């Protein structure tokens, strides 16, 4: 499964063929370090992203997942206003 590290975060992204069609789905999971150095904390459980986009190959799906994962991480790291 391809992954990308940004600071201490790890973004896992993948493209998987969608059952019953010739299309591909883009999936993302995001992890950050935990108190236990042997484990990572899953802060964004594996989910399908870019579901409204037609992806016709694994490489297209992986690219869409990588883009979405980077955007999702930016949102997760954004400061909460009014808190």
Protein backbone atom coordinates (compact mmCIF):
# COMPACT_ATOMS: atom_id res chain seq x y z
CA UNK A 1 0.00 0.00 0.00
CA UNK A 2 1.57 3.31 -1.00
CA UNK A 3 2.11 5.82 1.74
CA UNK A 4 3.35 9.34 2.24
CA UNK A 5 4.87 10.89 5.36
CA UNK A 6 4.19 14.49 6.26
CA UNK A 7 5.91 15.48 9.49
CA UNK A 8 4.92 12.74 11.96
CA UNK A 9 1.79 11.73 10.05
CA UNK A 10 1.52 8.81 7.67
CA UNK A 11 -1.04 8.85 4.87
CA UNK A 12 -1.87 5.47 3.34
CA UNK A 13 -3.55 5.70 -0.05
CA UNK A 14 -4.63 3.05 -2.46
CA UNK A 15 -6.71 2.40 -5.54
CA UNK A 16 -8.96 -0.65 -5.59
CA UNK A 17 -11.16 -2.01 -8.35
CA UNK A 18 -14.84 -1.48 -7.53
CA UNK A 19 -16.80 -4.70 -7.54
CA UNK A 20 -19.21 -5.05 -10.42
CA UNK A 21 -17.70 -2.29 -12.55
CA UNK A 22 -14.60 -1.42 -14.51
CA UNK A 23 -13.97 1.59 -12.29
CA UNK A 24 -11.58 2.12 -9.43
CA UNK A 25 -12.08 3.55 -5.95
CA UNK A 26 -9.64 5.78 -4.07
CA UNK A 27 -9.11 5.01 -0.36
CA UNK A 28 -7.26 6.90 2.39
CA UNK A 29 -6.25 6.25 6.01
CA UNK A 30 -4.18 8.62 8.18
CA UNK A 31 -2.06 7.73 11.19
CA UNK A 32 -0.03 9.66 13.76
CA UNK A 33 2.42 8.54 16.46
CA UNK A 34 0.99 7.16 19.69
CA UNK A 35 2.43 6.96 23.18
CA UNK A 36 3.68 3.48 22.26
CA UNK A 37 6.56 3.85 19.79
CA UNK A 38 5.65 0.48 18.24
CA UNK A 39 2.17 1.62 17.16
CA UNK A 40 0.50 4.43 15.27
CA UNK A 41 -2.87 5.98 16.15
CA UNK A 42 -5.43 5.89 13.35
CA UNK A 43 -6.81 9.46 13.23
CA UNK A 44 -8.68 9.00 9.94
CA UNK A 45 -9.97 5.44 9.47
CA UNK A 46 -9.74 3.99 5.95
CA UNK A 47 -12.45 5.54 3.82
CA UNK A 48 -13.29 5.88 0.20
CA UNK A 49 -12.60 9.38 -1.12
CA UNK A 50 -13.27 11.05 -4.48
CA UNK A 51 -16.42 8.92 -4.79
CA UNK A 52 -17.93 11.42 -7.23
CA UNK A 53 -15.04 11.06 -9.70
CA UNK A 54 -14.82 8.34 -12.37
CA UNK A 55 -11.43 6.65 -12.04
CA UNK A 56 -10.55 4.23 -14.81
CA UNK A 57 -7.20 2.92 -13.57
CA UNK A 58 -5.38 2.03 -10.39
CA UNK A 59 -2.85 4.83 -10.94
CA UNK A 60 -5.64 7.42 -11.33
CA UNK A 61 -7.27 6.16 -8.13
CA UNK A 62 -3.98 6.27 -6.21
CA UNK A 63 -3.30 9.82 -7.41
CA UNK A 64 -6.79 10.92 -6.37
CA UNK A 65 -6.36 9.25 -2.98
CA UNK A 66 -2.98 10.90 -2.44
CA UNK A 67 -4.41 14.35 -3.24
CA UNK A 68 -7.42 13.77 -0.98
CA UNK A 69 -5.24 12.46 1.83
CA UNK A 70 -3.07 15.58 1.76
CA UNK A 71 -6.19 17.79 1.87
CA UNK A 72 -7.75 15.77 4.69
CA UNK A 73 -4.54 15.99 6.74
CA UNK A 74 -4.49 19.78 6.29
CA UNK A 75 -8.06 19.92 7.64
CA UNK A 76 -7.20 17.65 10.58
CA UNK A 77 -4.23 19.86 11.47
CA UNK A 78 -6.08 23.18 11.06
CA UNK A 79 -6.62 25.05 14.32
CA UNK A 80 -10.15 24.97 15.66
CA UNK A 81 -11.57 28.49 15.76
CA UNK A 82 -13.66 29.49 18.76
CA UNK A 83 -12.35 26.73 20.99
